[in-house]
Amino acid sequence: MSEVKRITAPFDKSVVKSLKAGDNVLI
């Protein structure tokens, strides 16, 4: 689990940023 979290943590952050950017664009 820890290894997976290490890989997905930065990915999740980038996804959240992209989602926020997408929301801003949609709105």
C-alpha atoms as a PDB file:
ATOM      1  CA  MET A   1       0.000   0.000   0.000  1.00  0.00           C
ATOM      2  CA  SER A   2       2.767   2.436   0.932  1.00  0.00           C
ATOM      3  CA  GLU A   3       4.495   1.911  -2.410  1.00  0.00           C
ATOM      4  CA  VAL A   4       1.246   2.502  -4.260  1.00  0.00           C
ATOM      5  CA  LYS A   5       0.555   5.656  -2.259  1.00  0.00           C
ATOM      6  CA  ARG A   6       4.045   6.950  -3.068  1.00  0.00           C
ATOM      7  CA  ILE A   7       3.274   6.601  -6.773  1.00  0.00           C
ATOM      8  CA  THR A   8      -0.340   7.778  -6.686  1.00  0.00           C
ATOM      9  CA  ALA A   9       0.099  10.708  -4.271  1.00  0.00           C
ATOM     10  CA  PRO A  10       1.706  13.093  -6.820  1.00  0.00           C
ATOM     11  CA  PHE A  11      -0.553  11.693  -9.540  1.00  0.00           C
ATOM     12  CA  ASP A  12      -3.640  12.404  -7.437  1.00  0.00           C
ATOM     13  CA  LYS A  13      -2.402  15.939  -6.807  1.00  0.00           C
ATOM     14  CA  SER A  14      -1.946  16.514 -10.538  1.00  0.00           C
ATOM     15  CA  VAL A  15      -5.393  15.055 -11.191  1.00  0.00           C
ATOM     16  CA  VAL A  16      -6.936  17.337  -8.579  1.00  0.00           C
ATOM     17  CA  LYS A  17      -5.180  20.316 -10.155  1.00  0.00           C
ATOM     18  CA  SER A  18      -6.389  19.318 -13.621  1.00  0.00           C
ATOM     19  CA  LEU A  19      -9.920  18.785 -12.300  1.00  0.00           C
ATOM     20  CA  LYS A  20      -9.894  22.209 -10.642  1.00  0.00           C
ATOM     21  CA  ALA A  21      -8.559  23.751 -13.859  1.00  0.00           C
ATOM     22  CA  GLY A  22     -11.249  21.913 -15.829  1.00  0.00           C
ATOM     23  CA  ASP A  23     -13.934  23.134 -13.442  1.00  0.00           C
ATOM     24  CA  ASN A  24     -12.677  26.693 -13.817  1.00  0.00           C
ATOM     25  CA  VAL A  25     -12.796  26.346 -17.598  1.00  0.00           C
ATOM     26  CA  LEU A  26     -16.280  24.804 -17.538  1.00  0.00           C
ATOM     27  CA  ILE A  27     -17.516  27.518 -15.195  1.00  0.00           C
END
